[in-house]
Amino acid sequence: LTLVDANAGIQVRATLALEPSGLLL
């Protein structure tokens, strides 16, 4: 996911991954 606040000049990239064990990274 990519989220931005254009007015504040900030971008956040988030990666969520469910591993084969079911552990969320």
mmCIF file of all heavy atoms, coordinates in Angstrom:
data_MODEL
# 
_entry.id   MODEL 
# 
loop_
_atom_site.group_PDB 
_atom_site.id 
_atom_site.type_symbol 
_atom_site.label_atom_id 
_atom_site.label_alt_id 
_atom_site.label_comp_id 
_atom_site.label_asym_id 
_atom_site.label_entity_id 
_atom_site.label_seq_id 
_atom_site.pdbx_PDB_ins_code 
_atom_site.Cartn_x 
_atom_site.Cartn_y 
_atom_site.Cartn_z 
_atom_site.occupancy 
_atom_site.B_iso_or_equiv 
_atom_site.pdbx_formal_charge 
_atom_site.auth_seq_id 
_atom_site.auth_comp_id 
_atom_site.auth_asym_id 
_atom_site.auth_atom_id 
_atom_site.pdbx_PDB_model_num 
ATOM 1   N N   . LEU A 1 1  ? 0.840  -1.192  0.000  1.00 0.00 ? 1  LEU A N   1 
ATOM 2   C CA  . LEU A 1 1  ? 0.000  0.000   0.000  1.00 0.00 ? 1  LEU A CA  1 
ATOM 3   C C   . LEU A 1 1  ? 0.874  1.240   0.000  1.00 0.00 ? 1  LEU A C   1 
ATOM 4   O O   . LEU A 1 1  ? 1.908  1.285   0.673  1.00 0.00 ? 1  LEU A O   1 
ATOM 5   C CB  . LEU A 1 1  ? -0.915 0.023   1.228  1.00 0.00 ? 1  LEU A CB  1 
ATOM 6   C CG  . LEU A 1 1  ? -1.709 -1.254  1.546  1.00 0.00 ? 1  LEU A CG  1 
ATOM 7   C CD1 . LEU A 1 1  ? -2.477 -1.084  2.843  1.00 0.00 ? 1  LEU A CD1 1 
ATOM 8   C CD2 . LEU A 1 1  ? -2.654 -1.584  0.396  1.00 0.00 ? 1  LEU A CD2 1 
ATOM 9   N N   . THR A 1 2  ? 0.429  2.266   -0.727 1.00 0.00 ? 2  THR A N   1 
ATOM 10  C CA  . THR A 1 2  ? 1.087  3.567   -0.707 1.00 0.00 ? 2  THR A CA  1 
ATOM 11  C C   . THR A 1 2  ? 0.062  4.605   -0.296 1.00 0.00 ? 2  THR A C   1 
ATOM 12  O O   . THR A 1 2  ? -0.997 4.734   -0.926 1.00 0.00 ? 2  THR A O   1 
ATOM 13  C CB  . THR A 1 2  ? 1.663  3.921   -2.086 1.00 0.00 ? 2  THR A CB  1 
ATOM 14  O OG1 . THR A 1 2  ? 2.572  2.900   -2.502 1.00 0.00 ? 2  THR A OG1 1 
ATOM 15  C CG2 . THR A 1 2  ? 2.399  5.253   -2.030 1.00 0.00 ? 2  THR A CG2 1 
ATOM 16  N N   . LEU A 1 3  ? 0.372  5.335   0.778  1.00 0.00 ? 3  LEU A N   1 
ATOM 17  C CA  . LEU A 1 3  ? -0.510 6.379   1.281  1.00 0.00 ? 3  LEU A CA  1 
ATOM 18  C C   . LEU A 1 3  ? 0.263  7.689   1.284  1.00 0.00 ? 3  LEU A C   1 
ATOM 19  O O   . LEU A 1 3  ? 1.458  7.712   1.603  1.00 0.00 ? 3  LEU A O   1 
ATOM 20  C CB  . LEU A 1 3  ? -1.008 6.058   2.691  1.00 0.00 ? 3  LEU A CB  1 
ATOM 21  C CG  . LEU A 1 3  ? -1.793 4.744   2.841  1.00 0.00 ? 3  LEU A CG  1 
ATOM 22  C CD1 . LEU A 1 3  ? -0.886 3.665   3.429  1.00 0.00 ? 3  LEU A CD1 1 
ATOM 23  C CD2 . LEU A 1 3  ? -3.022 4.935   3.721  1.00 0.00 ? 3  LEU A CD2 1 
ATOM 24  N N   . VAL A 1 4  ? -0.419 8.786   0.949  1.00 0.00 ? 4  VAL A N   1 
ATOM 25  C CA  . VAL A 1 4  ? 0.263  10.075  0.870  1.00 0.00 ? 4  VAL A CA  1 
ATOM 26  C C   . VAL A 1 4  ? -0.577 11.154  1.539  1.00 0.00 ? 4  VAL A C   1 
ATOM 27  O O   . VAL A 1 4  ? -1.816 11.089  1.577  1.00 0.00 ? 4  VAL A O   1 
ATOM 28  C CB  . VAL A 1 4  ? 0.549  10.479  -0.599 1.00 0.00 ? 4  VAL A CB  1 
ATOM 29  C CG1 . VAL A 1 4  ? 1.450  9.464   -1.276 1.00 0.00 ? 4  VAL A CG1 1 
ATOM 30  C CG2 . VAL A 1 4  ? -0.733 10.660  -1.383 1.00 0.00 ? 4  VAL A CG2 1 
ATOM 31  N N   . ASP A 1 5  ? 0.121  12.143  2.055  1.00 0.00 ? 5  ASP A N   1 
ATOM 32  C CA  . ASP A 1 5  ? -0.479 13.415  2.429  1.00 0.00 ? 5  ASP A CA  1 
ATOM 33  C C   . ASP A 1 5  ? 0.242  14.457  1.585  1.00 0.00 ? 5  ASP A C   1 
ATOM 34  O O   . ASP A 1 5  ? 1.361  14.877  1.909  1.00 0.00 ? 5  ASP A O   1 
ATOM 35  C CB  . ASP A 1 5  ? -0.297 13.697  3.926  1.00 0.00 ? 5  ASP A CB  1 
ATOM 36  C CG  . ASP A 1 5  ? -1.011 14.970  4.369  1.00 0.00 ? 5  ASP A CG  1 
ATOM 37  O OD1 . ASP A 1 5  ? -1.144 15.896  3.532  1.00 0.00 ? 5  ASP A OD1 1 
ATOM 38  O OD2 . ASP A 1 5  ? -1.401 15.067  5.546  1.00 0.00 ? 5  ASP A OD2 1 
ATOM 39  N N   . ALA A 1 6  ? -0.389 14.834  0.469  1.00 0.00 ? 6  ALA A N   1 
ATOM 40  C CA  . ALA A 1 6  ? 0.273  15.736  -0.475 1.00 0.00 ? 6  ALA A CA  1 
ATOM 41  C C   . ALA A 1 6  ? 0.528  17.097  0.136  1.00 0.00 ? 6  ALA A C   1 
ATOM 42  O O   . ALA A 1 6  ? 1.552  17.737  -0.146 1.00 0.00 ? 6  ALA A O   1 
ATOM 43  C CB  . ALA A 1 6  ? -0.584 15.871  -1.735 1.00 0.00 ? 6  ALA A CB  1 
ATOM 44  N N   . ASN A 1 7  ? -0.374 17.563  0.989  1.00 0.00 ? 7  ASN A N   1 
ATOM 45  C CA  . ASN A 1 7  ? -0.197 18.876  1.604  1.00 0.00 ? 7  ASN A CA  1 
ATOM 46  C C   . ASN A 1 7  ? 0.980  18.886  2.570  1.00 0.00 ? 7  ASN A C   1 
ATOM 47  O O   . ASN A 1 7  ? 1.755  19.848  2.621  1.00 0.00 ? 7  ASN A O   1 
ATOM 48  C CB  . ASN A 1 7  ? -1.471 19.294  2.334  1.00 0.00 ? 7  ASN A CB  1 
ATOM 49  C CG  . ASN A 1 7  ? -2.621 19.551  1.388  1.00 0.00 ? 7  ASN A CG  1 
ATOM 50  O OD1 . ASN A 1 7  ? -2.402 20.000  0.250  1.00 0.00 ? 7  ASN A OD1 1 
ATOM 51  N ND2 . ASN A 1 7  ? -3.830 19.270  1.826  1.00 0.00 ? 7  ASN A ND2 1 
ATOM 52  N N   . ALA A 1 8  ? 1.122  17.821  3.323  1.00 0.00 ? 8  ALA A N   1 
ATOM 53  C CA  . ALA A 1 8  ? 2.215  17.748  4.302  1.00 0.00 ? 8  ALA A CA  1 
ATOM 54  C C   . ALA A 1 8  ? 3.514  17.275  3.669  1.00 0.00 ? 8  ALA A C   1 
ATOM 55  O O   . ALA A 1 8  ? 4.585  17.404  4.283  1.00 0.00 ? 8  ALA A O   1 
ATOM 56  C CB  . ALA A 1 8  ? 1.834  16.806  5.447  1.00 0.00 ? 8  ALA A CB  1 
ATOM 57  N N   . GLY A 1 9  ? 3.455  16.726  2.469  1.00 0.00 ? 9  GLY A N   1 
ATOM 58  C CA  . GLY A 1 9  ? 4.666  16.236  1.815  1.00 0.00 ? 9  GLY A CA  1 
ATOM 59  C C   . GLY A 1 9  ? 5.208  14.970  2.444  1.00 0.00 ? 9  GLY A C   1 
ATOM 60  O O   . GLY A 1 9  ? 6.416  14.827  2.650  1.00 0.00 ? 9  GLY A O   1 
ATOM 61  N N   . ILE A 1 10 ? 4.315  14.029  2.732  1.00 0.00 ? 10 ILE A N   1 
ATOM 62  C CA  . ILE A 1 10 ? 4.697  12.766  3.372  1.00 0.00 ? 10 ILE A CA  1 
ATOM 63  C C   . ILE A 1 10 ? 4.093  11.596  2.601  1.00 0.00 ? 10 ILE A C   1 
ATOM 64  O O   . ILE A 1 10 ? 2.915  11.623  2.219  1.00 0.00 ? 10 ILE A O   1 
ATOM 65  C CB  . ILE A 1 10 ? 4.233  12.718  4.841  1.00 0.00 ? 10 ILE A CB  1 
ATOM 66  C CG1 . ILE A 1 10 ? 4.940  13.783  5.666  1.00 0.00 ? 10 ILE A CG1 1 
ATOM 67  C CG2 . ILE A 1 10 ? 4.480  11.325  5.439  1.00 0.00 ? 10 ILE A CG2 1 
ATOM 68  C CD1 . ILE A 1 10 ? 6.454  13.624  5.748  1.00 0.00 ? 10 ILE A CD1 1 
ATOM 69  N N   . GLN A 1 11 ? 4.903  10.571  2.384  1.00 0.00 ? 11 GLN A N   1 
ATOM 70  C CA  . GLN A 1 11 ? 4.443  9.322   1.784  1.00 0.00 ? 11 GLN A CA  1 
ATOM 71  C C   . GLN A 1 11 ? 4.799  8.174   2.708  1.00 0.00 ? 11 GLN A C   1 
ATOM 72  O O   . GLN A 1 11 ? 5.898  8.133   3.266  1.00 0.00 ? 11 GLN A O   1 
ATOM 73  C CB  . GLN A 1 11 ? 5.111  9.111   0.427  1.00 0.00 ? 11 GLN A CB  1 
ATOM 74  C CG  . GLN A 1 11 ? 4.815  7.748   -0.205 1.00 0.00 ? 11 GLN A CG  1 
ATOM 75  C CD  . GLN A 1 11 ? 5.597  7.531   -1.473 1.00 0.00 ? 11 GLN A CD  1 
ATOM 76  O OE1 . GLN A 1 11 ? 5.200  7.983   -2.541 1.00 0.00 ? 11 GLN A OE1 1 
ATOM 77  N NE2 . GLN A 1 11 ? 6.725  6.848   -1.371 1.00 0.00 ? 11 GLN A NE2 1 
ATOM 78  N N   . VAL A 1 12 ? 3.881  7.234   2.868  1.00 0.00 ? 12 VAL A N   1 
ATOM 79  C CA  . VAL A 1 12 ? 4.131  6.023   3.654  1.00 0.00 ? 12 VAL A CA  1 
ATOM 80  C C   . VAL A 1 12 ? 3.839  4.811   2.784  1.00 0.00 ? 12 VAL A C   1 
ATOM 81  O O   . VAL A 1 12 ? 2.749  4.708   2.189  1.00 0.00 ? 12 VAL A O   1 
ATOM 82  C CB  . VAL A 1 12 ? 3.268  5.972   4.936  1.00 0.00 ? 12 VAL A CB  1 
ATOM 83  C CG1 . VAL A 1 12 ? 3.508  4.654   5.676  1.00 0.00 ? 12 VAL A CG1 1 
ATOM 84  C CG2 . VAL A 1 12 ? 3.584  7.150   5.844  1.00 0.00 ? 12 VAL A CG2 1 
ATOM 85  N N   . ARG A 1 13 ? 4.815  3.937   2.679  1.00 0.00 ? 13 ARG A N   1 
ATOM 86  C CA  . ARG A 1 13 ? 4.610  2.651   2.027  1.00 0.00 ? 13 ARG A CA  1 
ATOM 87  C C   . ARG A 1 13 ? 4.519  1.575   3.096  1.00 0.00 ? 13 ARG A C   1 
ATOM 88  O O   . ARG A 1 13 ? 5.368  1.519   4.004  1.00 0.00 ? 13 ARG A O   1 
ATOM 89  C CB  . ARG A 1 13 ? 5.763  2.333   1.074  1.00 0.00 ? 13 ARG A CB  1 
ATOM 90  C CG  . ARG A 1 13 ? 5.831  3.230   -0.149 1.00 0.00 ? 13 ARG A CG  1 
ATOM 91  C CD  . ARG A 1 13 ? 6.947  2.776   -1.086 1.00 0.00 ? 13 ARG A CD  1 
ATOM 92  N NE  . ARG A 1 13 ? 7.078  3.630   -2.246 1.00 0.00 ? 13 ARG A NE  1 
ATOM 93  C CZ  . ARG A 1 13 ? 6.380  3.491   -3.361 1.00 0.00 ? 13 ARG A CZ  1 
ATOM 94  N NH1 . ARG A 1 13 ? 5.495  2.501   -3.467 1.00 0.00 ? 13 ARG A NH1 1 
ATOM 95  N NH2 . ARG A 1 13 ? 6.557  4.307   -4.384 1.00 0.00 ? 13 ARG A NH2 1 
ATOM 96  N N   . ALA A 1 14 ? 3.513  0.738   2.981  1.00 0.00 ? 14 ALA A N   1 
ATOM 97  C CA  . ALA A 1 14 ? 3.314  -0.345  3.949  1.00 0.00 ? 14 ALA A CA  1 
ATOM 98  C C   . ALA A 1 14 ? 3.196  -1.666  3.205  1.00 0.00 ? 14 ALA A C   1 
ATOM 99  O O   . ALA A 1 14 ? 2.481  -1.759  2.203  1.00 0.00 ? 14 ALA A O   1 
ATOM 100 C CB  . ALA A 1 14 ? 2.061  -0.100  4.788  1.00 0.00 ? 14 ALA A CB  1 
ATOM 101 N N   . THR A 1 15 ? 3.902  -2.656  3.719  1.00 0.00 ? 15 THR A N   1 
ATOM 102 C CA  . THR A 1 15 ? 3.816  -4.006  3.164  1.00 0.00 ? 15 THR A CA  1 
ATOM 103 C C   . THR A 1 15 ? 3.356  -4.942  4.268  1.00 0.00 ? 15 THR A C   1 
ATOM 104 O O   . THR A 1 15 ? 3.942  -4.964  5.359  1.00 0.00 ? 15 THR A O   1 
ATOM 105 C CB  . THR A 1 15 ? 5.173  -4.475  2.618  1.00 0.00 ? 15 THR A CB  1 
ATOM 106 O OG1 . THR A 1 15 ? 5.614  -3.565  1.609  1.00 0.00 ? 15 THR A OG1 1 
ATOM 107 C CG2 . THR A 1 15 ? 5.070  -5.871  2.042  1.00 0.00 ? 15 THR A CG2 1 
ATOM 108 N N   . LEU A 1 16 ? 2.304  -5.703  3.984  1.00 0.00 ? 16 LEU A N   1 
ATOM 109 C CA  . LEU A 1 16 ? 1.787  -6.701  4.903  1.00 0.00 ? 16 LEU A CA  1 
ATOM 110 C C   . LEU A 1 16 ? 1.882  -8.057  4.218  1.00 0.00 ? 16 LEU A C   1 
ATOM 111 O O   . LEU A 1 16 ? 1.379  -8.217  3.093  1.00 0.00 ? 16 LEU A O   1 
ATOM 112 C CB  . LEU A 1 16 ? 0.335  -6.411  5.289  1.00 0.00 ? 16 LEU A CB  1 
ATOM 113 C CG  . LEU A 1 16 ? 0.060  -5.051  5.943  1.00 0.00 ? 16 LEU A CG  1 
ATOM 114 C CD1 . LEU A 1 16 ? -0.378 -4.042  4.884  1.00 0.00 ? 16 LEU A CD1 1 
ATOM 115 C CD2 . LEU A 1 16 ? -1.007 -5.167  7.026  1.00 0.00 ? 16 LEU A CD2 1 
ATOM 116 N N   . ALA A 1 17 ? 2.523  -9.013  4.876  1.00 0.00 ? 17 ALA A N   1 
ATOM 117 C CA  . ALA A 1 17 ? 2.724  -10.323 4.261  1.00 0.00 ? 17 ALA A CA  1 
ATOM 118 C C   . ALA A 1 17 ? 2.386  -11.417 5.264  1.00 0.00 ? 17 ALA A C   1 
ATOM 119 O O   . ALA A 1 17 ? 2.907  -11.423 6.385  1.00 0.00 ? 17 ALA A O   1 
ATOM 120 C CB  . ALA A 1 17 ? 4.167  -10.474 3.792  1.00 0.00 ? 17 ALA A CB  1 
ATOM 121 N N   . LEU A 1 18 ? 1.507  -12.315 4.852  1.00 0.00 ? 18 LEU A N   1 
ATOM 122 C CA  . LEU A 1 18 ? 1.223  -13.509 5.645  1.00 0.00 ? 18 LEU A CA  1 
ATOM 123 C C   . LEU A 1 18 ? 2.166  -14.620 5.181  1.00 0.00 ? 18 LEU A C   1 
ATOM 124 O O   . LEU A 1 18 ? 2.129  -15.034 4.026  1.00 0.00 ? 18 LEU A O   1 
ATOM 125 C CB  . LEU A 1 18 ? -0.227 -13.957 5.478  1.00 0.00 ? 18 LEU A CB  1 
ATOM 126 C CG  . LEU A 1 18 ? -1.262 -13.395 6.446  1.00 0.00 ? 18 LEU A CG  1 
ATOM 127 C CD1 . LEU A 1 18 ? -2.643 -13.921 6.098  1.00 0.00 ? 18 LEU A CD1 1 
ATOM 128 C CD2 . LEU A 1 18 ? -0.925 -13.740 7.898  1.00 0.00 ? 18 LEU A CD2 1 
ATOM 129 N N   . GLU A 1 19 ? 3.010  -15.081 6.095  1.00 0.00 ? 19 GLU A N   1 
ATOM 130 C CA  . GLU A 1 19 ? 3.976  -16.120 5.770  1.00 0.00 ? 19 GLU A CA  1 
ATOM 131 C C   . GLU A 1 19 ? 3.303  -17.493 5.767  1.00 0.00 ? 19 GLU A C   1 
ATOM 132 O O   . GLU A 1 19 ? 2.182  -17.653 6.267  1.00 0.00 ? 19 GLU A O   1 
ATOM 133 C CB  . GLU A 1 19 ? 5.113  -16.091 6.790  1.00 0.00 ? 19 GLU A CB  1 
ATOM 134 C CG  . GLU A 1 19 ? 5.939  -14.821 6.739  1.00 0.00 ? 19 GLU A CG  1 
ATOM 135 C CD  . GLU A 1 19 ? 6.696  -14.693 5.444  1.00 0.00 ? 19 GLU A CD  1 
ATOM 136 O OE1 . GLU A 1 19 ? 7.585  -15.531 5.183  1.00 0.00 ? 19 GLU A OE1 1 
ATOM 137 O OE2 . GLU A 1 19 ? 6.397  -13.756 4.671  1.00 0.00 ? 19 GLU A OE2 1 
ATOM 138 N N   . PRO A 1 20 ? 3.965  -18.517 5.213  1.00 0.00 ? 20 PRO A N   1 
ATOM 139 C CA  . PRO A 1 20 ? 3.367  -19.861 5.228  1.00 0.00 ? 20 PRO A CA  1 
ATOM 140 C C   . PRO A 1 20 ? 2.985  -20.347 6.623  1.00 0.00 ? 20 PRO A C   1 
ATOM 141 O O   . PRO A 1 20 ? 2.069  -21.165 6.765  1.00 0.00 ? 20 PRO A O   1 
ATOM 142 C CB  . PRO A 1 20 ? 4.470  -20.725 4.609  1.00 0.00 ? 20 PRO A CB  1 
ATOM 143 C CG  . PRO A 1 20 ? 5.210  -19.798 3.703  1.00 0.00 ? 20 PRO A CG  1 
ATOM 144 C CD  . PRO A 1 20 ? 5.198  -18.469 4.406  1.00 0.00 ? 20 PRO A CD  1 
ATOM 145 N N   . SER A 1 21 ? 3.654  -19.849 7.656  1.00 0.00 ? 21 SER A N   1 
ATOM 146 C CA  . SER A 1 21 ? 3.326  -20.242 9.030  1.00 0.00 ? 21 SER A CA  1 
ATOM 147 C C   . SER A 1 21 ? 2.089  -19.533 9.556  1.00 0.00 ? 21 SER A C   1 
ATOM 148 O O   . SER A 1 21 ? 1.582  -19.875 10.633 1.00 0.00 ? 21 SER A O   1 
ATOM 149 C CB  . SER A 1 21 ? 4.500  -19.920 9.956  1.00 0.00 ? 21 SER A CB  1 
ATOM 150 O OG  . SER A 1 21 ? 4.659  -18.516 10.098 1.00 0.00 ? 21 SER A OG  1 
ATOM 151 N N   . GLY A 1 22 ? 1.597  -18.517 8.835  1.00 0.00 ? 22 GLY A N   1 
ATOM 152 C CA  . GLY A 1 22 ? 0.510  -17.695 9.335  1.00 0.00 ? 22 GLY A CA  1 
ATOM 153 C C   . GLY A 1 22 ? 0.986  -16.478 10.096 1.00 0.00 ? 22 GLY A C   1 
ATOM 154 O O   . GLY A 1 22 ? 0.167  -15.668 10.550 1.00 0.00 ? 22 GLY A O   1 
ATOM 155 N N   . LEU A 1 23 ? 2.307  -16.318 10.237 1.00 0.00 ? 23 LEU A N   1 
ATOM 156 C CA  . LEU A 1 23 ? 2.861  -15.144 10.890 1.00 0.00 ? 23 LEU A CA  1 
ATOM 157 C C   . LEU A 1 23 ? 2.715  -13.942 9.958  1.00 0.00 ? 23 LEU A C   1 
ATOM 158 O O   . LEU A 1 23 ? 3.026  -14.023 8.770  1.00 0.00 ? 23 LEU A O   1 
ATOM 159 C CB  . LEU A 1 23 ? 4.334  -15.374 11.221 1.00 0.00 ? 23 LEU A CB  1 
ATOM 160 C CG  . LEU A 1 23 ? 5.013  -14.362 12.146 1.00 0.00 ? 23 LEU A CG  1 
ATOM 161 C CD1 . LEU A 1 23 ? 4.444  -14.442 13.551 1.00 0.00 ? 23 LEU A CD1 1 
ATOM 162 C CD2 . LEU A 1 23 ? 6.525  -14.593 12.176 1.00 0.00 ? 23 LEU A CD2 1 
ATOM 163 N N   . LEU A 1 24 ? 2.232  -12.828 10.501 1.00 0.00 ? 24 LEU A N   1 
ATOM 164 C CA  . LEU A 1 24 ? 2.049  -11.606 9.731  1.00 0.00 ? 24 LEU A CA  1 
ATOM 165 C C   . LEU A 1 24 ? 3.266  -10.703 9.910  1.00 0.00 ? 24 LEU A C   1 
ATOM 166 O O   . LEU A 1 24 ? 3.652  -10.380 11.036 1.00 0.00 ? 24 LEU A O   1 
ATOM 167 C CB  . LEU A 1 24 ? 0.787  -10.873 10.192 1.00 0.00 ? 24 LEU A CB  1 
ATOM 168 C CG  . LEU A 1 24 ? 0.527  -9.497  9.569  1.00 0.00 ? 24 LEU A CG  1 
ATOM 169 C CD1 . LEU A 1 24 ? 0.237  -9.630  8.075  1.00 0.00 ? 24 LEU A CD1 1 
ATOM 170 C CD2 . LEU A 1 24 ? -0.629 -8.795  10.289 1.00 0.00 ? 24 LEU A CD2 1 
ATOM 171 N N   . LEU A 1 25 ? 3.885  -10.304 8.800  1.00 0.00 ? 25 LEU A N   1 
ATOM 172 C CA  . LEU A 1 25 ? 5.022  -9.389  8.807  1.00 0.00 ? 25 LEU A CA  1 
ATOM 173 C C   . LEU A 1 25 ? 4.560  -8.039  8.276  1.00 0.00 ? 25 LEU A C   1 
ATOM 174 O O   . LEU A 1 25 ? 3.930  -7.967  7.208  1.00 0.00 ? 25 LEU A O   1 
ATOM 175 C CB  . LEU A 1 25 ? 6.152  -9.916  7.928  1.00 0.00 ? 25 LEU A CB  1 
ATOM 176 C CG  . LEU A 1 25 ? 7.126  -10.943 8.520  1.00 0.00 ? 25 LEU A CG  1 
ATOM 177 C CD1 . LEU A 1 25 ? 6.421  -12.126 9.129  1.00 0.00 ? 25 LEU A CD1 1 
ATOM 178 C CD2 . LEU A 1 25 ? 8.116  -11.404 7.451  1.00 0.00 ? 25 LEU A CD2 1 
# 
